[in-house]
Amino acid sequence: MHISGVQTVLPDYRYAQAEITEAFSRLTEADLDQLERFHAATGVQSRNLALPLDDYAKLDSFGRANDIYLEIALDLSERALRGALDKAGVSPRRVDHLVFCSTTGLATPSLDARLIQRVGLRPDVKRVPVFGLGCAAGASGLSRLNDYLRGWPEQVAALVCVEMCSLTTQRDDTSIANLVASGLFGDGAAAVVAVGRGHGPEVVATRSRLYSGTEHLMGWQVSERGFRLVLDAELTAFVEKVLAGDIRGFLADNGLTPEQVGTWICHPGGPKVIDKIVERLGLDPAALEVTWRSLREHGNMSSVSVLHVLQETRGRPGQPAVLLALGPGFSAELLLLHW
């Protein structure tokens, strides 16, 4: 599979971290000094949000937040998919398969059904809506495109990820997990167009890893108020324990070592996780500069972020690249690419 076009689209409302911190303190009545410490620790300097800051006080129910999700997520998804198609030089009518990933809102029929009509994809396009993969969905979605195009190499497949993380804000939740999340997550959409044979980075191998008994590390607790974040303090230690070994094993099965990888495309889950990846694999800190920049400028956009890093990365011709993301489950998604 060759990645022919990648496009990230961000909502119009952009704020410095300090503005968001102050607004969230007013919304939740959280202690401002404590909140400033948590938000500073995320390394995020600015983010794009679905709504103007003052409008978040109006989100008085899960239904209200979800209605706004449907409207804004559809608009951003359309812009992202059109942009990726333009970059790939592909007509909407040529798309045969569409994977749509989102974990911050709900719709039945799923949002991709509306997206297909808005963009002008064929009515016989094969569609796979995915919910629940969270931050891992961008990488997982690429792997599923690769699976499809191995069987149908003459066809065109597309992936759309959209996340409105800010709309899941719980104003009555002053837990450490929610306070950290309020300083970390941003909103956005991204799309990828891929072909079985063509130009662009080539996906040559993929691997999925699900760690049993780790559901408590990351996810949603769903209630009448909507999505309440589950983010366990043990997460970083768990990543340190298992991830480097799985990455090394994946590379070894493809005849490689981390030292032979020329480009690293990592989901910006947070500073501690990024640091552990660099430390445990013995990487030059500069190897993840694009990941760090994405985190600083846009925060963690869940499934969208790794695709944004992919868009901003210029791979080294002739050298392998690794794309990776982590998500609920707890799970990891790994891809080996060649430029």
Protein backbone atom coordinates (compact mmCIF):
# COMPACT_ATOMS: atom_id res chain seq x y z
CA MET A 1 0.00 0.00 0.00
CA HIS A 2 1.19 3.50 -0.89
CA ILE A 3 0.05 6.58 1.02
CA SER A 4 -0.86 9.09 -1.69
CA GLY A 5 -2.34 11.98 0.29
CA VAL A 6 -2.65 13.09 3.92
CA GLN A 7 -4.58 16.15 5.11
CA THR A 8 -5.16 17.48 8.62
CA VAL A 9 -7.84 20.09 9.31
CA LEU A 10 -8.23 22.00 12.57
CA PRO A 11 -11.23 23.89 13.96
CA ASP A 12 -11.19 27.68 13.70
CA TYR A 13 -10.86 28.54 17.39
CA ARG A 14 -7.22 28.60 18.48
CA TYR A 15 -6.04 29.51 21.96
CA ALA A 16 -2.84 29.73 23.95
CA GLN A 17 -2.62 27.20 26.77
CA ALA A 18 -2.84 29.95 29.42
CA GLU A 19 -6.21 31.09 28.03
CA ILE A 20 -7.58 27.55 28.15
CA THR A 21 -6.27 27.00 31.67
CA GLU A 22 -8.01 30.10 32.98
CA ALA A 23 -11.27 29.27 31.21
CA PHE A 24 -11.30 25.67 32.46
CA SER A 25 -10.67 26.88 36.01
CA ARG A 26 -13.75 29.11 35.78
CA LEU A 27 -15.83 26.32 34.25
CA THR A 28 -15.00 23.69 36.85
CA GLU A 29 -14.04 25.86 39.83
CA ALA A 30 -10.76 23.94 39.96
CA ASP A 31 -7.86 25.56 41.82
CA LEU A 32 -6.06 27.74 39.27
CA ASP A 33 -2.58 27.26 40.72
CA GLN A 34 -2.96 23.48 40.68
CA LEU A 35 -4.41 23.57 37.19
CA GLU A 36 -1.54 25.70 35.90
CA ARG A 37 0.96 23.14 37.19
CA PHE A 38 -0.86 20.24 35.52
CA HIS A 39 -1.29 22.10 32.24
CA ALA A 40 2.34 23.25 32.14
CA ALA A 41 3.48 19.66 32.63
CA THR A 42 1.74 18.55 29.42
CA GLY A 43 4.15 20.57 27.27
CA VAL A 44 1.23 21.92 25.23
CA GLN A 45 1.50 25.61 24.30
CA SER A 46 -1.61 26.06 22.15
CA ARG A 47 -4.61 24.14 20.82
CA ASN A 48 -7.51 24.40 18.39
CA LEU A 49 -10.94 23.82 19.91
CA ALA A 50 -14.36 23.02 18.46
CA LEU A 51 -16.03 26.02 20.15
CA PRO A 52 -15.15 29.47 21.46
CA LEU A 53 -14.03 29.15 25.08
CA ASP A 54 -17.09 30.93 26.47
CA ASP A 55 -19.44 28.44 24.78
CA TYR A 56 -18.28 25.44 26.81
CA ALA A 57 -20.36 26.62 29.76
CA LYS A 58 -23.45 25.98 27.59
CA LEU A 59 -22.71 22.24 27.28
CA ASP A 60 -25.16 21.23 29.98
CA SER A 61 -25.85 17.67 28.77
CA PHE A 62 -24.35 14.79 26.83
CA GLY A 63 -27.02 15.24 24.15
CA ARG A 64 -26.15 18.91 23.63
CA ALA A 65 -22.43 18.15 23.35
CA ASN A 66 -23.08 15.27 20.95
CA ASP A 67 -25.27 17.42 18.68
CA ILE A 68 -22.42 19.90 18.35
CA TYR A 69 -20.00 17.03 17.75
CA LEU A 70 -22.10 15.81 14.81
CA GLU A 71 -22.14 19.23 13.17
CA ILE A 72 -18.48 20.17 13.58
CA ALA A 73 -17.02 16.70 13.10
CA LEU A 74 -18.85 16.30 9.80
CA ASP A 75 -17.58 19.66 8.53
CA LEU A 76 -13.96 18.95 9.49
CA SER A 77 -14.12 15.41 8.11
CA GLU A 78 -15.37 16.69 4.77
CA ARG A 79 -12.59 19.26 4.53
CA ALA A 80 -9.94 16.70 5.50
CA LEU A 81 -11.12 14.07 3.01
CA ARG A 82 -11.41 16.57 0.16
CA GLY A 83 -7.91 17.81 0.95
CA ALA A 84 -6.41 14.30 0.98
CA LEU A 85 -8.14 13.45 -2.31
CA ASP A 86 -6.79 16.63 -3.90
CA LYS A 87 -3.25 15.85 -2.74
CA ALA A 88 -3.52 12.33 -4.11
CA GLY A 89 -5.03 13.51 -7.38
CA VAL A 90 -7.94 11.12 -6.89
CA SER A 91 -11.60 11.77 -7.70
CA PRO A 92 -14.13 11.02 -4.93
CA ARG A 93 -15.85 8.58 -7.28
CA ARG A 94 -12.72 6.41 -7.36
CA VAL A 95 -12.78 5.60 -3.64
CA ASP A 96 -13.76 1.97 -3.11
CA HIS A 97 -13.30 1.57 0.65
CA LEU A 98 -13.69 4.02 3.54
CA VAL A 99 -12.61 3.50 7.17
CA PHE A 100 -13.98 6.11 9.57
CA CYS A 101 -12.63 6.38 13.14
CA SER A 102 -13.84 8.51 16.03
CA THR A 103 -14.21 7.97 19.78
CA THR A 104 -15.53 11.34 21.00
CA GLY A 105 -19.11 11.29 19.71
CA LEU A 106 -21.90 8.93 18.64
CA ALA A 107 -24.17 8.68 15.62
CA THR A 108 -26.41 6.08 13.98
CA PRO A 109 -26.25 6.01 11.03
CA SER A 110 -22.55 6.56 11.61
CA LEU A 111 -21.04 9.84 10.51
CA ASP A 112 -19.34 8.30 7.49
CA ALA A 113 -22.77 7.72 5.88
CA ARG A 114 -23.35 11.47 5.87
CA LEU A 115 -19.74 12.15 4.83
CA ILE A 116 -20.05 9.93 1.76
CA GLN A 117 -22.98 11.98 0.50
CA ARG A 118 -21.32 15.32 1.29
CA VAL A 119 -18.08 14.51 -0.53
CA GLY A 120 -19.68 12.62 -3.43
CA LEU A 121 -18.29 9.13 -2.95
CA ARG A 122 -20.09 6.33 -4.80
CA PRO A 123 -23.13 4.80 -3.08
CA ASP A 124 -21.51 1.36 -3.34
CA VAL A 125 -18.37 2.36 -1.42
CA LYS A 126 -17.51 -0.21 1.26
CA ARG A 127 -17.49 1.54 4.65
CA VAL A 128 -16.21 0.51 8.06
CA PRO A 129 -17.05 2.85 10.96
CA VAL A 130 -14.83 2.26 14.01
CA PHE A 131 -15.48 3.40 17.59
CA GLY A 132 -13.40 2.74 20.71
CA LEU A 133 -9.80 2.58 19.47
CA GLY A 134 -9.10 6.10 20.75
CA CYS A 135 -5.57 7.36 20.20
CA ALA A 136 -4.55 4.15 18.41
CA ALA A 137 -7.19 4.48 15.68
CA GLY A 138 -5.12 6.54 13.23
CA ALA A 139 -2.41 3.89 13.08
CA SER A 140 -4.89 1.01 13.22
CA GLY A 141 -6.90 2.58 10.40
CA LEU A 142 -3.81 2.70 8.19
CA SER A 143 -3.18 -0.97 8.89
CA ARG A 144 -6.73 -1.85 7.91
CA LEU A 145 -6.38 0.09 4.65
CA ASN A 146 -3.23 -1.91 3.99
CA ASP A 147 -5.05 -5.19 4.64
CA TYR A 148 -7.77 -4.24 2.18
CA LEU A 149 -5.43 -3.05 -0.57
CA ARG A 150 -3.32 -6.19 -0.38
CA GLY A 151 -6.40 -8.03 -1.56
CA TRP A 152 -7.57 -5.35 -3.99
CA PRO A 153 -4.38 -3.61 -5.18
CA GLU A 154 -6.06 -1.83 -8.10
CA GLN A 155 -8.51 -0.03 -5.83
CA VAL A 156 -8.43 3.16 -3.72
CA ALA A 157 -9.03 3.28 0.03
CA ALA A 158 -9.46 6.21 2.40
CA LEU A 159 -9.21 6.73 6.14
CA VAL A 160 -10.89 9.56 8.06
CA CYS A 161 -10.26 10.25 11.76
CA VAL A 162 -12.04 13.02 13.63
CA GLU A 163 -11.97 13.83 17.34
CA MET A 164 -13.70 16.59 19.30
CA CYS A 165 -11.97 15.88 22.61
CA SER A 166 -12.93 19.23 24.15
CA LEU A 167 -16.64 18.40 23.88
CA THR A 168 -16.18 15.55 26.35
CA THR A 169 -15.14 17.97 29.13
CA GLN A 170 -16.69 17.06 32.50
CA ARG A 171 -17.15 20.23 34.53
CA ASP A 172 -17.94 18.32 37.76
CA ASP A 173 -14.84 16.13 37.56
CA THR A 174 -11.83 17.50 39.45
CA SER A 175 -9.88 14.24 39.40
CA ILE A 176 -6.21 14.40 38.47
CA ALA A 177 -6.95 12.50 35.25
CA ASN A 178 -9.50 15.08 34.12
CA LEU A 179 -7.33 18.03 35.13
CA VAL A 180 -4.40 16.63 33.15
CA ALA A 181 -6.64 15.82 30.17
CA SER A 182 -8.04 19.36 30.14
CA GLY A 183 -4.51 20.58 29.43
CA LEU A 184 -3.51 17.86 26.96
CA PHE A 185 -6.22 17.11 24.41
CA GLY A 186 -7.14 19.11 21.30
CA ASP A 187 -9.61 18.83 18.42
CA GLY A 188 -9.12 18.08 14.74
CA ALA A 189 -9.64 15.79 11.77
CA ALA A 190 -7.33 14.03 9.35
CA ALA A 191 -7.74 11.93 6.23
CA VAL A 192 -5.50 9.59 4.25
CA VAL A 193 -5.94 8.36 0.68
CA ALA A 194 -4.06 5.18 -0.22
CA VAL A 195 -3.62 2.99 -3.29
CA GLY A 196 -2.38 -0.53 -3.78
CA ARG A 197 0.10 0.50 -6.44
CA GLY A 198 1.37 4.03 -6.87
CA HIS A 199 3.59 6.67 -5.33
CA GLY A 200 4.22 7.82 -1.78
CA PRO A 201 5.37 6.10 1.41
CA GLU A 202 4.80 2.35 1.24
CA VAL A 203 3.45 0.31 4.14
CA VAL A 204 5.42 -2.94 4.15
CA ALA A 205 4.42 -4.51 7.50
CA THR A 206 2.00 -3.95 10.38
CA ARG A 207 1.44 -5.33 13.86
CA SER A 208 -1.29 -4.95 16.47
CA ARG A 209 -0.67 -5.68 20.14
CA LEU A 210 -3.39 -5.99 22.80
CA TYR A 211 -2.23 -6.27 26.42
CA SER A 212 -4.61 -8.36 28.53
CA GLY A 213 -5.83 -7.11 31.87
CA THR A 214 -5.04 -3.46 31.13
CA GLU A 215 -8.51 -2.03 30.50
CA HIS A 216 -8.10 0.19 33.56
CA LEU A 217 -5.18 2.13 32.07
CA MET A 218 -7.08 4.22 29.51
CA GLY A 219 -10.61 4.66 28.18
CA TRP A 220 -14.04 6.13 28.83
CA GLN A 221 -16.46 5.62 31.69
CA VAL A 222 -19.79 6.34 30.01
CA SER A 223 -22.61 7.84 32.10
CA GLU A 224 -25.62 10.11 31.67
CA ARG A 225 -23.15 13.03 31.64
CA GLY A 226 -21.22 11.59 28.71
CA PHE A 227 -17.64 10.41 28.49
CA ARG A 228 -15.59 10.57 31.68
CA LEU A 229 -11.88 9.94 31.11
CA VAL A 230 -10.10 6.91 32.55
CA LEU A 231 -6.35 7.56 32.69
CA ASP A 232 -4.39 5.51 35.22
CA ALA A 233 -1.19 6.78 36.81
CA GLU A 234 0.42 3.40 36.01
CA LEU A 235 0.24 4.03 32.25
CA THR A 236 3.73 5.45 31.78
CA ALA A 237 5.35 2.68 33.81
CA PHE A 238 3.49 0.08 31.76
CA VAL A 239 4.63 1.66 28.49
CA GLU A 240 8.20 1.65 29.78
CA LYS A 241 7.90 -2.02 30.68
CA VAL A 242 6.50 -3.47 27.45
CA LEU A 243 6.63 -1.17 24.45
CA ALA A 244 10.33 -1.12 23.58
CA GLY A 245 10.46 -4.91 23.55
CA ASP A 246 7.49 -5.14 21.21
CA ILE A 247 8.96 -2.53 18.86
CA ARG A 248 12.31 -4.34 18.80
CA GLY A 249 10.54 -7.64 18.15
CA PHE A 250 8.51 -6.15 15.30
CA LEU A 251 11.64 -4.74 13.70
CA ALA A 252 13.61 -7.94 14.21
CA ASP A 253 10.92 -9.92 12.42
CA ASN A 254 11.52 -7.60 9.48
CA GLY A 255 15.31 -7.88 9.64
CA LEU A 256 15.87 -4.50 11.32
CA THR A 257 17.02 -2.86 14.54
CA PRO A 258 15.96 0.55 15.92
CA GLU A 259 19.35 1.95 14.85
CA GLN A 260 18.49 1.22 11.21
CA VAL A 261 15.22 3.17 11.30
CA GLY A 262 15.66 6.55 9.64
CA THR A 263 12.31 8.10 10.61
CA TRP A 264 10.02 7.78 13.64
CA ILE A 265 6.36 8.82 13.36
CA CYS A 266 4.96 8.63 16.89
CA HIS A 267 1.62 9.58 18.35
CA PRO A 268 2.19 12.48 20.82
CA GLY A 269 0.44 10.86 23.76
CA GLY A 270 2.17 13.05 26.33
CA PRO A 271 5.67 14.09 27.45
CA LYS A 272 6.33 11.14 29.75
CA VAL A 273 5.35 8.56 27.15
CA ILE A 274 7.45 10.24 24.44
CA ASP A 275 10.43 10.41 26.78
CA LYS A 276 10.12 6.70 27.60
CA ILE A 277 10.06 5.73 23.92
CA VAL A 278 13.25 7.73 23.29
CA GLU A 279 14.94 6.39 26.43
CA ARG A 280 14.07 2.70 26.06
CA LEU A 281 14.94 2.54 22.35
CA GLY A 282 18.11 4.61 22.74
CA LEU A 283 16.99 7.17 20.16
CA ASP A 284 18.46 10.58 19.48
CA PRO A 285 15.92 13.00 21.11
CA ALA A 286 15.76 14.84 17.77
CA ALA A 287 14.26 11.70 16.19
CA LEU A 288 10.85 12.65 17.61
CA GLU A 289 11.03 16.39 16.98
CA VAL A 290 7.94 16.35 14.72
CA THR A 291 6.02 14.51 17.45
CA TRP A 292 7.11 17.06 20.05
CA ARG A 293 6.15 19.95 17.77
CA SER A 294 2.71 18.49 17.12
CA LEU A 295 2.17 18.15 20.87
CA ARG A 296 3.32 21.72 21.60
CA GLU A 297 1.27 23.35 18.88
CA HIS A 298 -1.91 21.24 18.84
CA GLY A 299 -2.00 18.98 21.89
CA ASN A 300 -2.99 15.33 21.73
CA MET A 301 -5.79 15.07 19.14
CA SER A 302 -6.35 11.38 19.86
CA SER A 303 -6.60 9.34 16.62
CA VAL A 304 -5.86 12.42 14.49
CA SER A 305 -2.43 13.16 15.97
CA VAL A 306 -0.35 10.39 14.44
CA LEU A 307 -1.76 11.27 11.01
CA HIS A 308 -0.83 14.92 11.60
CA VAL A 309 2.73 13.81 12.48
CA LEU A 310 2.74 11.67 9.31
CA GLN A 311 1.70 14.68 7.23
CA GLU A 312 4.47 16.83 8.71
CA THR A 313 7.20 14.17 8.36
CA ARG A 314 9.67 14.09 5.51
CA GLY A 315 10.98 10.55 5.40
CA ARG A 316 14.50 9.64 4.35
CA PRO A 317 14.46 7.98 0.92
CA GLY A 318 15.73 4.43 1.00
CA GLN A 319 15.48 4.15 4.79
CA PRO A 320 12.74 2.44 6.80
CA ALA A 321 10.32 4.38 9.01
CA VAL A 322 8.22 3.28 11.97
CA LEU A 323 4.76 4.69 12.69
CA LEU A 324 3.28 3.89 16.10
CA ALA A 325 0.37 4.81 18.33
CA LEU A 326 -1.02 3.63 21.67
CA GLY A 327 -4.63 3.45 22.76
CA PRO A 328 -7.30 1.93 24.99
CA GLY A 329 -7.23 -1.78 25.49
CA PHE A 330 -4.38 -1.13 26.39
CA SER A 331 -3.05 -1.54 22.88
CA ALA A 332 -0.27 -0.63 20.47
CA GLU A 333 -0.30 -0.30 16.68
CA LEU A 334 2.96 -0.51 14.71
CA LEU A 335 3.63 0.03 11.01
CA LEU A 336 6.84 -0.27 9.00
CA LEU A 337 7.08 2.13 6.06
CA HIS A 338 9.56 2.74 3.25
CA TRP A 339 9.86 6.12 1.52
